[in-house]
Protein backbone atom coordinates (compact mmCIF):
# COMPACT_ATOMS: atom_id res chain seq x y z
CA MET A 1 -6.02 102.42 -34.25
CA SER A 2 -9.23 100.75 -33.22
CA GLU A 3 -10.85 101.49 -29.89
CA ALA A 4 -10.96 98.79 -27.25
CA LYS A 5 -14.43 97.46 -26.61
CA SER A 6 -15.82 97.68 -23.13
CA PRO A 7 -16.42 94.39 -21.30
CA LYS A 8 -20.18 94.83 -21.61
CA SER A 9 -20.06 95.14 -25.40
CA SER A 10 -20.60 91.43 -26.00
CA PRO A 11 -22.57 88.68 -24.26
CA LYS A 12 -19.42 86.57 -23.80
CA ALA A 13 -17.68 89.39 -21.95
CA ALA A 14 -20.70 89.80 -19.69
CA LYS A 15 -20.61 86.10 -18.87
CA LYS A 16 -16.91 86.31 -18.01
CA ILE A 17 -17.59 89.13 -15.60
CA SER A 18 -20.30 87.14 -13.86
CA ILE A 19 -17.92 84.19 -13.52
CA VAL A 20 -15.34 86.41 -11.86
CA ASP A 21 -17.99 87.67 -9.45
CA LYS A 22 -18.98 84.07 -8.64
CA THR A 23 -15.36 83.06 -8.09
CA VAL A 24 -14.74 85.96 -5.75
CA ASN A 25 -17.88 85.27 -3.75
CA GLY A 26 -17.49 81.50 -3.91
CA PRO A 27 -20.27 78.95 -3.94
CA THR A 28 -22.84 78.93 -1.19
CA ASP A 29 -23.03 76.09 1.33
CA GLN A 30 -26.11 74.81 -0.47
CA GLU A 31 -24.27 74.84 -3.82
CA LEU A 32 -21.29 73.02 -2.28
CA THR A 33 -23.58 70.37 -0.81
CA ALA A 34 -25.27 69.87 -4.19
CA MET A 35 -21.91 69.60 -5.97
CA LYS A 36 -20.63 67.04 -3.46
CA ALA A 37 -23.83 65.00 -3.76
CA ALA A 38 -23.57 65.02 -7.56
CA ALA A 39 -19.91 63.96 -7.40
CA ASP A 40 -20.75 61.13 -4.97
CA ALA A 41 -23.54 59.91 -7.24
CA ALA A 42 -21.22 60.01 -10.24
CA ARG A 43 -18.56 58.04 -8.34
CA ARG A 44 -21.09 55.34 -7.48
CA ALA A 45 -22.23 55.18 -11.11
CA ASP A 46 -18.62 54.94 -12.30
CA ALA A 47 -17.72 52.13 -9.87
CA GLY A 48 -18.64 49.34 -12.30
CA LYS A 49 -17.02 50.89 -15.36
CA SER A 50 -13.75 49.68 -16.81
CA TYR A 51 -10.67 51.86 -17.15
CA ALA A 52 -11.24 52.00 -20.92
CA GLU A 53 -14.85 53.19 -20.46
CA LEU A 54 -13.82 55.91 -18.02
CA SER A 55 -10.98 57.01 -20.28
CA ALA A 56 -13.25 57.14 -23.34
CA GLU A 57 -15.77 59.28 -21.45
CA LEU A 58 -12.99 61.63 -20.37
CA ASP A 59 -11.92 61.94 -24.01
CA ASP A 60 -15.51 62.91 -24.90
CA VAL A 61 -15.60 65.52 -22.14
CA LEU A 62 -12.31 67.01 -23.32
CA ALA A 63 -13.56 67.14 -26.91
CA ARG A 64 -16.68 69.04 -25.78
CA LEU A 65 -14.59 71.53 -23.84
CA GLN A 66 -12.43 72.27 -26.89
CA HIS A 67 -15.35 73.63 -28.92
CA ASP A 68 -15.45 77.42 -29.25
CA ASP A 69 -19.22 77.56 -29.00
CA VAL A 70 -19.58 75.71 -25.69
CA ASP A 71 -21.89 77.48 -23.23
CA ILE A 72 -20.23 78.50 -19.97
CA ASP A 73 -22.68 76.50 -17.85
CA GLU A 74 -22.12 73.43 -20.02
CA ALA A 75 -18.35 73.96 -19.80
CA LEU A 76 -18.48 74.13 -16.00
CA GLN A 77 -20.58 70.98 -15.84
CA ALA A 78 -18.22 69.20 -18.25
CA TYR A 79 -15.19 70.36 -16.27
CA ARG A 80 -16.73 69.05 -13.06
CA ARG A 81 -17.49 65.70 -14.74
CA GLY A 82 -13.96 65.58 -16.10
CA MET A 83 -12.54 66.04 -12.60
CA VAL A 84 -14.71 63.18 -11.31
CA LEU A 85 -13.46 60.99 -14.15
CA VAL A 86 -9.82 61.92 -13.52
CA THR A 87 -10.28 61.01 -9.85
CA ALA A 88 -11.88 57.68 -10.80
CA LEU A 89 -9.09 56.90 -13.26
CA ASP A 90 -6.45 57.77 -10.66
CA ARG A 91 -8.16 55.54 -8.10
CA TYR A 92 -8.34 52.73 -10.67
CA LEU A 93 -4.60 53.00 -11.36
CA LYS A 94 -3.73 53.08 -7.66
CA GLU A 95 -5.82 49.97 -7.04
CA ALA A 96 -4.08 48.21 -9.93
CA GLU A 97 -0.69 49.25 -8.56
CA ASN A 98 -1.63 47.91 -5.11
CA LYS A 99 -2.70 44.58 -6.64
CA ILE A 100 0.60 44.30 -8.51
CA THR A 101 2.56 45.11 -5.36
CA LYS A 102 0.66 42.40 -3.47
CA LEU A 103 1.21 39.87 -6.26
CA ARG A 104 4.94 40.60 -6.27
CA ALA A 105 5.08 40.17 -2.49
CA ASP A 106 3.15 36.88 -2.71
CA PHE A 107 5.53 35.47 -5.34
CA SER A 108 8.78 36.77 -3.92
CA GLY A 109 8.78 35.12 -0.67
């Protein structure tokens, strides 16, 4: 039987431990403010993009996250970007649904 390696035996394990510590402690107010500002800026930049462009970018983000060699910091940044894109796509679909509902109401009566 082989012996189990301790968590500090590899750099990846050490990174996982630091992530757990960060999750337990949570982000600071300054980090939260920076994350919100970045998300707001991304939303403004995404405002003029089509659904197809947003969807294609989300596909790219997902492809990056599926690589085994992705750095944890890059993965977190990609995950955050993916969440912004999902929100933008959801908003896009809701707006389209509202337009269809209005068109139906206009033509039904």
